[in-house]
Amino acid sequence: MLPIVFQGLVVPVYMGGTSGLKVIEENLEKLKEIMEVYEERLSKLKYLAGNFLSLADISHFPMVHLLQETPYGSVLDAYPHVKAWMAAVMDRPAVKKVMVLMKTFG
């Protein structure tokens, strides 16, 4: 996921460069495999480690959120449980506060 976020968001937006499409293409299939694991797990649980927010969610959420900001974020459309998990995390009051702070720095 990191190579896609880096090449699809960081390089063009923050570094003014051109995305490495070869790197992105090589990693999209790997990303889909990862999303299949997330999807299967989230089909049984509300959050990654159970029906409670945990460090697993806190550590995985930012990268998935940033993935949505890339031109490749639509890959998540195939994973409804992942999207529901993202919505549940985004709906948390603390996350809403952080998102407001991030907009003031962006």
Protein backbone atom coordinates (compact mmCIF):
# COMPACT_ATOMS: atom_id res chain seq x y z
CA MET A 1 0.00 0.00 0.00
CA LEU A 2 2.82 2.40 0.86
CA PRO A 3 4.38 2.36 -2.64
CA ILE A 4 1.00 3.27 -4.18
CA VAL A 5 0.42 6.10 -1.70
CA PHE A 6 3.96 7.37 -2.15
CA GLN A 7 3.89 7.23 -5.96
CA GLY A 8 0.24 8.26 -6.32
CA LEU A 9 0.12 11.07 -3.75
CA VAL A 10 3.45 12.08 -2.23
CA VAL A 11 5.55 12.22 -5.41
CA PRO A 12 3.15 14.25 -7.57
CA VAL A 13 1.52 16.44 -4.88
CA TYR A 14 4.27 17.10 -2.37
CA MET A 15 7.42 16.56 -4.41
CA GLY A 16 6.22 17.88 -7.76
CA GLY A 17 7.39 14.75 -9.55
CA THR A 18 5.88 12.19 -11.86
CA SER A 19 4.33 9.05 -10.43
CA GLY A 20 6.18 5.81 -11.09
CA LEU A 21 3.43 3.95 -12.92
CA LYS A 22 5.44 0.75 -13.08
CA VAL A 23 5.80 0.73 -9.29
CA ILE A 24 2.09 1.41 -8.89
CA GLU A 25 1.07 -1.34 -11.31
CA GLU A 26 3.39 -3.85 -9.62
CA ASN A 27 1.85 -3.07 -6.25
CA LEU A 28 -1.84 -2.93 -7.19
CA GLU A 29 -2.10 -6.73 -7.27
CA LYS A 30 -0.37 -6.97 -3.90
CA LEU A 31 -2.77 -4.36 -2.57
CA LYS A 32 -5.76 -6.38 -3.75
CA GLU A 33 -4.42 -9.43 -1.91
CA ILE A 34 -4.10 -7.35 1.27
CA MET A 35 -7.58 -5.92 0.84
CA GLU A 36 -8.98 -9.46 0.47
CA VAL A 37 -7.54 -10.26 3.92
CA TYR A 38 -9.01 -7.06 5.38
CA GLU A 39 -12.36 -7.76 3.71
CA GLU A 40 -12.57 -11.33 4.99
CA ARG A 41 -11.67 -10.27 8.51
CA LEU A 42 -14.02 -7.28 8.51
CA SER A 43 -16.89 -9.44 7.24
CA LYS A 44 -16.85 -11.06 10.70
CA LEU A 45 -15.71 -8.22 12.94
CA LYS A 46 -16.39 -4.49 13.19
CA TYR A 47 -12.71 -3.67 13.57
CA LEU A 48 -9.49 -5.42 12.55
CA ALA A 49 -8.77 -7.11 15.90
CA GLY A 50 -12.32 -7.57 17.17
CA ASN A 51 -15.47 -5.62 17.80
CA PHE A 52 -13.49 -2.87 19.49
CA LEU A 53 -11.12 -0.21 18.21
CA SER A 54 -7.52 -1.29 18.75
CA LEU A 55 -3.96 -0.45 17.85
CA ALA A 56 -4.45 -2.54 14.70
CA ASP A 57 -7.04 -0.05 13.44
CA ILE A 58 -5.07 2.98 14.55
CA SER A 59 -1.97 1.78 12.72
CA HIS A 60 -3.68 0.60 9.51
CA PHE A 61 -6.27 3.35 9.09
CA PRO A 62 -3.97 6.24 8.06
CA MET A 63 -2.48 4.40 5.08
CA VAL A 64 -5.87 3.21 3.85
CA HIS A 65 -7.20 6.73 4.28
CA LEU A 66 -4.31 8.15 2.26
CA LEU A 67 -4.86 5.50 -0.40
CA GLN A 68 -8.32 7.01 -0.92
CA GLU A 69 -6.64 10.31 -1.76
CA THR A 70 -4.76 8.80 -4.69
CA PRO A 71 -6.08 8.17 -8.20
CA TYR A 72 -6.11 4.48 -7.20
CA GLY A 73 -8.48 4.83 -4.24
CA SER A 74 -11.31 3.35 -6.28
CA VAL A 75 -9.72 -0.07 -5.76
CA LEU A 76 -11.43 0.01 -2.35
CA ASP A 77 -14.86 0.02 -4.02
CA ALA A 78 -14.60 -3.76 -4.41
CA TYR A 79 -14.38 -4.20 -0.63
CA PRO A 80 -17.62 -3.11 1.09
CA HIS A 81 -16.55 -4.26 4.56
CA VAL A 82 -13.32 -2.28 4.28
CA LYS A 83 -15.33 0.77 3.27
CA ALA A 84 -17.70 0.23 6.23
CA TRP A 85 -14.67 -0.06 8.54
CA MET A 86 -13.28 3.19 7.14
CA ALA A 87 -16.63 4.90 7.72
CA ALA A 88 -16.81 3.58 11.30
CA VAL A 89 -13.33 4.85 12.09
CA MET A 90 -13.98 8.19 10.37
CA ASP A 91 -17.17 8.59 12.44
CA ARG A 92 -15.31 8.49 15.74
CA PRO A 93 -15.17 11.89 17.50
CA ALA A 94 -11.39 11.81 17.98
CA VAL A 95 -10.82 11.06 14.30
CA LYS A 96 -13.13 13.91 13.31
CA LYS A 97 -11.08 16.28 15.49
CA VAL A 98 -7.83 15.12 13.92
CA MET A 99 -9.27 15.50 10.41
CA VAL A 100 -10.20 19.12 11.17
CA LEU A 101 -6.66 19.77 12.41
CA MET A 102 -5.20 18.16 9.29
CA LYS A 103 -7.25 20.49 7.05
CA THR A 104 -5.81 23.53 8.82
CA PHE A 105 -2.29 22.34 7.99
CA GLY A 106 -3.08 21.15 4.46
